[in-house]
């Protein structure tokens, strides 16, 4: 089985189906964007390409996404 640090790394890179993992998956996709501002269409496209439902994001998820994007960029 995986060790705790391995699971944490998997979640950080968006390889898990946890809420944090899904947010991180979208953040890593959006971090590749050359744009300084992410428009709704780009956000939705990134979610769909990552297999994440964009309509499932809560305000808390969006805040977590912003924090992760700040870390990555």
PDB file of N, CA and C in Angstrom:
ATOM      1  N   UNK A   1       0.833  -1.171   0.000  1.00  0.00           N
ATOM      2  CA  UNK A   1       0.000   0.000   0.000  1.00  0.00           C
ATOM      3  C   UNK A   1       0.890   1.252   0.000  1.00  0.00           C
ATOM      4  N   UNK A   2       0.294   2.382  -0.280  1.00  0.00           N
ATOM      5  CA  UNK A   2       1.049   3.628  -0.338  1.00  0.00           C
ATOM      6  C   UNK A   2       1.329   4.177   1.055  1.00  0.00           C
ATOM      7  N   UNK A   3       2.451   4.834   1.171  1.00  0.00           N
ATOM      8  CA  UNK A   3       2.804   5.516   2.420  1.00  0.00           C
ATOM      9  C   UNK A   3       2.141   6.893   2.410  1.00  0.00           C
ATOM     10  N   UNK A   4       2.035   7.506   3.591  1.00  0.00           N
ATOM     11  CA  UNK A   4       1.361   8.802   3.706  1.00  0.00           C
ATOM     12  C   UNK A   4       1.976   9.851   2.796  1.00  0.00           C
ATOM     13  N   UNK A   5       3.300   9.908   2.718  1.00  0.00           N
ATOM     14  CA  UNK A   5       3.952  10.923   1.889  1.00  0.00           C
ATOM     15  C   UNK A   5       3.671  10.674   0.406  1.00  0.00           C
ATOM     16  N   UNK A   6       3.521   9.420   0.016  1.00  0.00           N
ATOM     17  CA  UNK A   6       3.213   9.109  -1.371  1.00  0.00           C
ATOM     18  C   UNK A   6       1.786   9.562  -1.718  1.00  0.00           C
ATOM     19  N   UNK A   7       0.865   9.322  -0.807  1.00  0.00           N
ATOM     20  CA  UNK A   7      -0.506   9.768  -1.030  1.00  0.00           C
ATOM     21  C   UNK A   7      -0.591  11.285  -1.099  1.00  0.00           C
ATOM     22  N   UNK A   8       0.167  11.969  -0.261  1.00  0.00           N
ATOM     23  CA  UNK A   8       0.188  13.434  -0.272  1.00  0.00           C
ATOM     24  C   UNK A   8       0.724  13.959  -1.601  1.00  0.00           C
ATOM     25  N   UNK A   9       1.753  13.338  -2.116  1.00  0.00           N
ATOM     26  CA  UNK A   9       2.309  13.754  -3.408  1.00  0.00           C
ATOM     27  C   UNK A   9       1.311  13.489  -4.541  1.00  0.00           C
ATOM     28  N   UNK A  10       0.647  12.351  -4.489  1.00  0.00           N
ATOM     29  CA  UNK A  10      -0.351  12.029  -5.508  1.00  0.00           C
ATOM     30  C   UNK A  10      -1.485  13.054  -5.485  1.00  0.00           C
ATOM     31  N   UNK A  11      -1.913  13.440  -4.307  1.00  0.00           N
ATOM     32  CA  UNK A  11      -2.972  14.434  -4.185  1.00  0.00           C
ATOM     33  C   UNK A  11      -2.494  15.797  -4.677  1.00  0.00           C
ATOM     34  N   UNK A  12      -1.270  16.159  -4.338  1.00  0.00           N
ATOM     35  CA  UNK A  12      -0.714  17.438  -4.761  1.00  0.00           C
ATOM     36  C   UNK A  12      -0.651  17.550  -6.284  1.00  0.00           C
ATOM     37  N   UNK A  13      -0.382  16.452  -6.953  1.00  0.00           N
ATOM     38  CA  UNK A  13      -0.303  16.456  -8.408  1.00  0.00           C
ATOM     39  C   UNK A  13      -1.637  16.135  -9.077  1.00  0.00           C
ATOM     40  N   UNK A  14      -2.709  16.031  -8.277  1.00  0.00           N
ATOM     41  CA  UNK A  14      -4.032  15.824  -8.845  1.00  0.00           C
ATOM     42  C   UNK A  14      -4.291  14.418  -9.324  1.00  0.00           C
ATOM     43  N   UNK A  15      -3.593  13.457  -8.768  1.00  0.00           N
ATOM     44  CA  UNK A  15      -3.745  12.078  -9.204  1.00  0.00           C
ATOM     45  C   UNK A  15      -4.752  11.295  -8.369  1.00  0.00           C
ATOM     46  N   UNK A  16      -5.406  11.971  -7.440  1.00  0.00           N
ATOM     47  CA  UNK A  16      -6.407  11.307  -6.618  1.00  0.00           C
ATOM     48  C   UNK A  16      -7.783  11.878  -6.945  1.00  0.00           C
ATOM     49  N   UNK A  17      -8.809  11.191  -6.532  1.00  0.00           N
ATOM     50  CA  UNK A  17     -10.173  11.641  -6.770  1.00  0.00           C
ATOM     51  C   UNK A  17     -10.745  12.385  -5.566  1.00  0.00           C
ATOM     52  N   UNK A  18      -9.884  12.774  -4.631  1.00  0.00           N
ATOM     53  CA  UNK A  18     -10.344  13.572  -3.497  1.00  0.00           C
ATOM     54  C   UNK A  18     -10.652  14.981  -3.987  1.00  0.00           C
ATOM     55  N   UNK A  19     -11.374  15.736  -3.197  1.00  0.00           N
ATOM     56  CA  UNK A  19     -11.702  17.113  -3.570  1.00  0.00           C
ATOM     57  C   UNK A  19     -10.426  17.924  -3.820  1.00  0.00           C
ATOM     58  N   UNK A  20      -9.473  17.805  -2.919  1.00  0.00           N
ATOM     59  CA  UNK A  20      -8.210  18.534  -3.072  1.00  0.00           C
ATOM     60  C   UNK A  20      -7.463  18.058  -4.312  1.00  0.00           C
ATOM     61  N   UNK A  21      -7.478  16.771  -4.559  1.00  0.00           N
ATOM     62  CA  UNK A  21      -6.821  16.233  -5.751  1.00  0.00           C
ATOM     63  C   UNK A  21      -7.420  16.778  -7.031  1.00  0.00           C
ATOM     64  N   UNK A  22      -8.746  16.878  -7.082  1.00  0.00           N
ATOM     65  CA  UNK A  22      -9.411  17.403  -8.273  1.00  0.00           C
ATOM     66  C   UNK A  22      -9.101  18.884  -8.480  1.00  0.00           C
ATOM     67  N   UNK A  23      -9.114  19.647  -7.392  1.00  0.00           N
ATOM     68  CA  UNK A  23      -8.780  21.072  -7.484  1.00  0.00           C
ATOM     69  C   UNK A  23      -7.330  21.230  -7.967  1.00  0.00           C
ATOM     70  N   UNK A  24      -6.422  20.441  -7.409  1.00  0.00           N
ATOM     71  CA  UNK A  24      -5.018  20.522  -7.819  1.00  0.00           C
ATOM     72  C   UNK A  24      -4.835  20.121  -9.276  1.00  0.00           C
ATOM     73  N   UNK A  25      -5.608  19.151  -9.734  1.00  0.00           N
ATOM     74  CA  UNK A  25      -5.531  18.727 -11.138  1.00  0.00           C
ATOM     75  C   UNK A  25      -5.892  19.889 -12.067  1.00  0.00           C
ATOM     76  N   UNK A  26      -6.956  20.593 -11.742  1.00  0.00           N
ATOM     77  CA  UNK A  26      -7.377  21.740 -12.553  1.00  0.00           C
ATOM     78  C   UNK A  26      -6.351  22.869 -12.434  1.00  0.00           C
ATOM     79  N   UNK A  27      -5.820  23.094 -11.242  1.00  0.00           N
ATOM     80  CA  UNK A  27      -4.823  24.155 -11.046  1.00  0.00           C
ATOM     81  C   UNK A  27      -3.586  23.907 -11.892  1.00  0.00           C
ATOM     82  N   UNK A  28      -3.131  22.681 -11.935  1.00  0.00           N
ATOM     83  CA  UNK A  28      -1.939  22.366 -12.736  1.00  0.00           C
ATOM     84  C   UNK A  28      -2.214  22.559 -14.218  1.00  0.00           C
ATOM     85  N   UNK A  29      -3.428  22.270 -14.649  1.00  0.00           N
ATOM     86  CA  UNK A  29      -3.801  22.507 -16.043  1.00  0.00           C
ATOM     87  C   UNK A  29      -3.826  24.006 -16.338  1.00  0.00           C
ATOM     88  N   UNK A  30      -4.434  24.777 -15.460  1.00  0.00           N
ATOM     89  CA  UNK A  30      -4.537  26.228 -15.660  1.00  0.00           C
ATOM     90  C   UNK A  30      -3.186  26.922 -15.524  1.00  0.00           C
ATOM     91  N   UNK A  31      -2.280  26.375 -14.746  1.00  0.00           N
ATOM     92  CA  UNK A  31      -0.959  26.983 -14.566  1.00  0.00           C
ATOM     93  C   UNK A  31      -0.173  27.000 -15.870  1.00  0.00           C
ATOM     94  N   UNK A  32      -0.553  26.165 -16.806  1.00  0.00           N
ATOM     95  CA  UNK A  32       0.120  26.121 -18.110  1.00  0.00           C
ATOM     96  C   UNK A  32      -0.358  27.234 -19.042  1.00  0.00           C
ATOM     97  N   UNK A  33      -1.408  27.935 -18.652  1.00  0.00           N
ATOM     98  CA  UNK A  33      -1.977  28.996 -19.480  1.00  0.00           C
ATOM     99  C   UNK A  33      -1.032  30.197 -19.534  1.00  0.00           C
ATOM    100  N   UNK A  34      -0.886  30.804 -20.705  1.00  0.00           N
ATOM    101  CA  UNK A  34      -0.061  32.007 -20.805  1.00  0.00           C
ATOM    102  C   UNK A  34      -0.792  33.255 -20.305  1.00  0.00           C
ATOM    103  N   UNK A  35      -2.077  33.136 -20.016  1.00  0.00           N
ATOM    104  CA  UNK A  35      -2.882  34.281 -19.607  1.00  0.00           C
ATOM    105  C   UNK A  35      -2.698  34.591 -18.123  1.00  0.00           C
ATOM    106  N   UNK A  36      -2.708  35.880 -17.804  1.00  0.00           N
ATOM    107  CA  UNK A  36      -2.628  36.298 -16.404  1.00  0.00           C
ATOM    108  C   UNK A  36      -3.977  36.168 -15.715  1.00  0.00           C
ATOM    109  N   UNK A  37      -5.047  36.309 -16.487  1.00  0.00           N
ATOM    110  CA  UNK A  37      -6.398  36.221 -15.969  1.00  0.00           C
ATOM    111  C   UNK A  37      -7.091  35.038 -16.625  1.00  0.00           C
ATOM    112  N   UNK A  38      -7.713  34.220 -15.828  1.00  0.00           N
ATOM    113  CA  UNK A  38      -8.406  33.039 -16.329  1.00  0.00           C
ATOM    114  C   UNK A  38      -9.875  33.394 -16.534  1.00  0.00           C
ATOM    115  N   UNK A  39     -10.339  33.289 -17.756  1.00  0.00           N
ATOM    116  CA  UNK A  39     -11.742  33.548 -18.069  1.00  0.00           C
ATOM    117  C   UNK A  39     -12.564  32.292 -17.776  1.00  0.00           C
ATOM    118  N   UNK A  40     -13.857  32.461 -17.676  1.00  0.00           N
ATOM    119  CA  UNK A  40     -14.762  31.354 -17.378  1.00  0.00           C
ATOM    120  C   UNK A  40     -14.634  30.233 -18.397  1.00  0.00           C
ATOM    121  N   UNK A  41     -14.556  30.577 -19.668  1.00  0.00           N
ATOM    122  CA  UNK A  41     -14.463  29.553 -20.718  1.00  0.00           C
ATOM    123  C   UNK A  41     -13.176  28.735 -20.570  1.00  0.00           C
ATOM    124  N   UNK A  42     -12.084  29.388 -20.227  1.00  0.00           N
ATOM    125  CA  UNK A  42     -10.818  28.680 -20.045  1.00  0.00           C
ATOM    126  C   UNK A  42     -10.876  27.773 -18.809  1.00  0.00           C
ATOM    127  N   UNK A  43     -11.492  28.270 -17.749  1.00  0.00           N
ATOM    128  CA  UNK A  43     -11.670  27.468 -16.540  1.00  0.00           C
ATOM    129  C   UNK A  43     -12.490  26.220 -16.843  1.00  0.00           C
ATOM    130  N   UNK A  44     -13.620  26.408 -17.524  1.00  0.00           N
ATOM    131  CA  UNK A  44     -14.494  25.276 -17.852  1.00  0.00           C
ATOM    132  C   UNK A  44     -13.774  24.288 -18.764  1.00  0.00           C
ATOM    133  N   UNK A  45     -13.041  24.781 -19.726  1.00  0.00           N
ATOM    134  CA  UNK A  45     -12.299  23.920 -20.639  1.00  0.00           C
ATOM    135  C   UNK A  45     -11.241  23.106 -19.901  1.00  0.00           C
ATOM    136  N   UNK A  46     -10.532  23.742 -18.977  1.00  0.00           N
ATOM    137  CA  UNK A  46      -9.510  23.046 -18.186  1.00  0.00           C
ATOM    138  C   UNK A  46     -10.150  21.952 -17.341  1.00  0.00           C
ATOM    139  N   UNK A  47     -11.287  22.264 -16.732  1.00  0.00           N
ATOM    140  CA  UNK A  47     -11.993  21.265 -15.915  1.00  0.00           C
ATOM    141  C   UNK A  47     -12.379  20.066 -16.762  1.00  0.00           C
ATOM    142  N   UNK A  48     -12.991  20.330 -17.894  1.00  0.00           N
ATOM    143  CA  UNK A  48     -13.463  19.244 -18.752  1.00  0.00           C
ATOM    144  C   UNK A  48     -12.303  18.401 -19.252  1.00  0.00           C
ATOM    145  N   UNK A  49     -11.208  19.042 -19.619  1.00  0.00           N
ATOM    146  CA  UNK A  49     -10.052  18.279 -20.116  1.00  0.00           C
ATOM    147  C   UNK A  49      -9.421  17.425 -19.008  1.00  0.00           C
ATOM    148  N   UNK A  50      -9.645  17.810 -17.751  1.00  0.00           N
ATOM    149  CA  UNK A  50      -9.125  17.053 -16.608  1.00  0.00           C
ATOM    150  C   UNK A  50     -10.128  16.034 -16.080  1.00  0.00           C
ATOM    151  N   UNK A  51     -11.315  16.009 -16.658  1.00  0.00           N
ATOM    152  CA  UNK A  51     -12.335  15.088 -16.181  1.00  0.00           C
ATOM    153  C   UNK A  51     -13.008  15.544 -14.899  1.00  0.00           C
ATOM    154  N   UNK A  52     -13.078  16.858 -14.698  1.00  0.00           N
ATOM    155  CA  UNK A  52     -13.685  17.429 -13.498  1.00  0.00           C
ATOM    156  C   UNK A  52     -14.900  18.252 -13.918  1.00  0.00           C
ATOM    157  N   UNK A  53     -16.001  18.091 -13.216  1.00  0.00           N
ATOM    158  CA  UNK A  53     -17.216  18.852 -13.512  1.00  0.00           C
ATOM    159  C   UNK A  53     -17.036  20.293 -13.029  1.00  0.00           C
ATOM    160  N   UNK A  54     -16.999  21.260 -13.944  1.00  0.00           N
ATOM    161  CA  UNK A  54     -16.796  22.652 -13.516  1.00  0.00           C
ATOM    162  C   UNK A  54     -17.935  23.179 -12.647  1.00  0.00           C
ATOM    163  N   UNK A  55     -19.126  22.620 -12.807  1.00  0.00           N
ATOM    164  CA  UNK A  55     -20.269  23.077 -12.016  1.00  0.00           C
ATOM    165  C   UNK A  55     -20.237  22.566 -10.586  1.00  0.00           C
ATOM    166  N   UNK A  56     -19.328  21.646 -10.300  1.00  0.00           N
ATOM    167  CA  UNK A  56     -19.234  21.107  -8.944  1.00  0.00           C
ATOM    168  C   UNK A  56     -18.381  21.976  -8.025  1.00  0.00           C
ATOM    169  N   UNK A  57     -17.708  22.978  -8.578  1.00  0.00           N
ATOM    170  CA  UNK A  57     -16.842  23.835  -7.771  1.00  0.00           C
ATOM    171  C   UNK A  57     -17.665  24.753  -6.881  1.00  0.00           C
ATOM    172  N   UNK A  58     -17.324  24.760  -5.613  1.00  0.00           N
ATOM    173  CA  UNK A  58     -17.930  25.689  -4.659  1.00  0.00           C
ATOM    174  C   UNK A  58     -17.002  26.902  -4.527  1.00  0.00           C
ATOM    175  N   UNK A  59     -17.432  27.905  -3.794  1.00  0.00           N
ATOM    176  CA  UNK A  59     -16.574  29.065  -3.562  1.00  0.00           C
ATOM    177  C   UNK A  59     -15.314  28.652  -2.822  1.00  0.00           C
ATOM    178  N   UNK A  60     -15.447  27.722  -1.911  1.00  0.00           N
ATOM    179  CA  UNK A  60     -14.286  27.207  -1.173  1.00  0.00           C
ATOM    180  C   UNK A  60     -13.300  26.533  -2.125  1.00  0.00           C
ATOM    181  N   UNK A  61     -13.819  25.773  -3.086  1.00  0.00           N
ATOM    182  CA  UNK A  61     -12.963  25.122  -4.081  1.00  0.00           C
ATOM    183  C   UNK A  61     -12.236  26.164  -4.931  1.00  0.00           C
ATOM    184  N   UNK A  62     -12.960  27.209  -5.321  1.00  0.00           N
ATOM    185  CA  UNK A  62     -12.344  28.272  -6.130  1.00  0.00           C
ATOM    186  C   UNK A  62     -11.252  28.990  -5.343  1.00  0.00           C
ATOM    187  N   UNK A  63     -11.476  29.200  -4.050  1.00  0.00           N
ATOM    188  CA  UNK A  63     -10.450  29.813  -3.204  1.00  0.00           C
ATOM    189  C   UNK A  63      -9.216  28.917  -3.118  1.00  0.00           C
ATOM    190  N   UNK A  64      -9.458  27.614  -2.970  1.00  0.00           N
ATOM    191  CA  UNK A  64      -8.357  26.648  -2.920  1.00  0.00           C
ATOM    192  C   UNK A  64      -7.624  26.606  -4.259  1.00  0.00           C
ATOM    193  N   UNK A  65      -8.371  26.715  -5.352  1.00  0.00           N
ATOM    194  CA  UNK A  65      -7.773  26.741  -6.695  1.00  0.00           C
ATOM    195  C   UNK A  65      -6.873  27.961  -6.847  1.00  0.00           C
ATOM    196  N   UNK A  66      -7.351  29.107  -6.411  1.00  0.00           N
ATOM    197  CA  UNK A  66      -6.549  30.335  -6.502  1.00  0.00           C
ATOM    198  C   UNK A  66      -5.264  30.207  -5.693  1.00  0.00           C
ATOM    199  N   UNK A  67      -5.377  29.642  -4.499  1.00  0.00           N
ATOM    200  CA  UNK A  67      -4.194  29.464  -3.655  1.00  0.00           C
ATOM    201  C   UNK A  67      -3.177  28.549  -4.334  1.00  0.00           C
ATOM    202  N   UNK A  68      -3.651  27.459  -4.926  1.00  0.00           N
ATOM    203  CA  UNK A  68      -2.749  26.522  -5.606  1.00  0.00           C
ATOM    204  C   UNK A  68      -2.112  27.171  -6.840  1.00  0.00           C
ATOM    205  N   UNK A  69      -2.895  27.942  -7.578  1.00  0.00           N
ATOM    206  CA  UNK A  69      -2.345  28.652  -8.744  1.00  0.00           C
ATOM    207  C   UNK A  69      -1.261  29.632  -8.319  1.00  0.00           C
ATOM    208  N   UNK A  70      -1.473  30.309  -7.207  1.00  0.00           N
ATOM    209  CA  UNK A  70      -0.460  31.237  -6.691  1.00  0.00           C
ATOM    210  C   UNK A  70       0.829  30.495  -6.346  1.00  0.00           C
ATOM    211  N   UNK A  71       0.710  29.288  -5.836  1.00  0.00           N
ATOM    212  CA  UNK A  71       1.892  28.485  -5.507  1.00  0.00           C
ATOM    213  C   UNK A  71       2.631  28.038  -6.779  1.00  0.00           C
ATOM    214  N   UNK A  72       1.857  27.713  -7.810  1.00  0.00           N
ATOM    215  CA  UNK A  72       2.443  27.140  -9.023  1.00  0.00           C
ATOM    216  C   UNK A  72       3.032  28.191  -9.966  1.00  0.00           C
ATOM    217  N   UNK A  73       2.535  29.411  -9.870  1.00  0.00           N
ATOM    218  CA  UNK A  73       3.001  30.444 -10.818  1.00  0.00           C
ATOM    219  C   UNK A  73       3.818  31.508 -10.134  1.00  0.00           C
TER     220      UNK A  73
END
